[in-house]
């Protein structure tokens, strides 16, 4: 691991992938909740600013997905607004 990298970003992205591949609703909800938790941890590691706000939005999105509150259109729209790898640490 390199110095200065935020390890929770990768963990959150991995949890989102697990949620997308989950075989049932319970496993999917659990993976989305884990992703939200990892995004919150990533946000706490960042200073105030654009990246922190973005991570907090991802956490909220995953919490809503876990609770079944997002519609498929919103989910697709948010998936298109993925993180640009060049802006990561």
Protein backbone atom coordinates (compact mmCIF):
# COMPACT_ATOMS: atom_id res chain seq x y z
CA UNK A 1 0.00 0.00 0.00
CA UNK A 2 1.31 3.42 -0.89
CA UNK A 3 1.52 6.26 1.54
CA UNK A 4 -1.26 8.80 1.22
CA UNK A 5 -3.79 6.42 -0.32
CA UNK A 6 -7.23 6.01 1.19
CA UNK A 7 -7.72 2.23 1.54
CA UNK A 8 -11.43 2.54 2.27
CA UNK A 9 -12.22 3.73 -1.25
CA UNK A 10 -11.13 0.40 -2.72
CA UNK A 11 -12.96 -1.50 0.03
CA UNK A 12 -16.16 0.45 -0.68
CA UNK A 13 -15.91 -0.18 -4.41
CA UNK A 14 -15.36 -3.89 -3.75
CA UNK A 15 -18.43 -4.01 -1.51
CA UNK A 16 -20.49 -2.34 -4.25
CA UNK A 17 -19.33 -5.00 -6.71
CA UNK A 18 -20.28 -7.73 -4.24
CA UNK A 19 -23.73 -6.17 -3.91
CA UNK A 20 -24.19 -6.13 -7.67
CA UNK A 21 -23.29 -9.82 -7.85
CA UNK A 22 -25.25 -10.89 -4.76
CA UNK A 23 -27.61 -13.81 -5.39
CA UNK A 24 -30.45 -12.69 -3.09
CA UNK A 25 -31.92 -9.53 -1.59
CA UNK A 26 -30.59 -10.09 1.93
CA UNK A 27 -27.01 -10.51 0.75
CA UNK A 28 -27.40 -7.51 -1.55
CA UNK A 29 -28.69 -5.29 1.27
CA UNK A 30 -25.86 -6.41 3.58
CA UNK A 31 -23.24 -5.66 0.91
CA UNK A 32 -24.75 -2.22 0.22
CA UNK A 33 -24.70 -1.44 3.95
CA UNK A 34 -21.05 -2.51 4.10
CA UNK A 35 -20.29 -0.28 1.10
CA UNK A 36 -22.01 2.66 2.81
CA UNK A 37 -19.94 2.05 5.95
CA UNK A 38 -16.71 1.93 3.93
CA UNK A 39 -17.61 5.14 2.08
CA UNK A 40 -18.23 6.83 5.45
CA UNK A 41 -14.82 5.67 6.65
CA UNK A 42 -13.25 6.96 3.43
CA UNK A 43 -14.96 10.32 3.94
CA UNK A 44 -13.61 10.65 7.49
CA UNK A 45 -10.07 10.17 6.16
CA UNK A 46 -10.44 13.09 3.76
CA UNK A 47 -10.26 16.75 4.61
CA UNK A 48 -13.25 19.01 4.03
CA UNK A 49 -13.84 19.47 0.35
CA UNK A 50 -15.14 18.01 -2.86
CA UNK A 51 -13.85 14.47 -2.39
CA UNK A 52 -15.27 14.16 1.13
CA UNK A 53 -18.67 15.38 -0.04
CA UNK A 54 -18.57 12.93 -2.93
CA UNK A 55 -17.79 10.00 -0.61
CA UNK A 56 -20.63 11.01 1.72
CA UNK A 57 -23.02 11.05 -1.26
CA UNK A 58 -21.90 7.54 -2.20
CA UNK A 59 -22.52 6.40 1.37
CA UNK A 60 -26.03 7.84 1.29
CA UNK A 61 -26.70 6.24 -2.11
CA UNK A 62 -25.66 2.82 -0.81
CA UNK A 63 -27.78 3.20 2.32
CA UNK A 64 -30.79 3.99 0.14
CA UNK A 65 -30.04 1.01 -2.09
CA UNK A 66 -29.82 -1.25 0.98
CA UNK A 67 -33.22 -0.03 2.14
CA UNK A 68 -34.72 -0.40 -1.35
CA UNK A 69 -35.49 3.30 -1.66
CA UNK A 70 -33.85 3.98 -5.03
CA UNK A 71 -35.60 3.31 -8.29
CA UNK A 72 -33.74 1.57 -11.10
CA UNK A 73 -33.51 4.85 -13.10
CA UNK A 74 -31.82 6.63 -10.19
CA UNK A 75 -29.51 3.66 -9.68
CA UNK A 76 -28.43 3.71 -13.34
CA UNK A 77 -27.93 7.47 -13.24
CA UNK A 78 -25.73 7.25 -10.15
CA UNK A 79 -23.72 4.39 -11.62
CA UNK A 80 -22.83 6.57 -14.60
CA UNK A 81 -21.46 9.23 -12.25
CA UNK A 82 -18.72 6.90 -11.04
CA UNK A 83 -15.49 8.12 -9.55
CA UNK A 84 -12.83 9.13 -12.03
CA UNK A 85 -9.71 7.07 -11.15
CA UNK A 86 -7.52 10.08 -11.91
CA UNK A 87 -9.07 12.04 -9.04
CA UNK A 88 -8.36 9.37 -6.46
CA UNK A 89 -5.46 9.87 -4.11
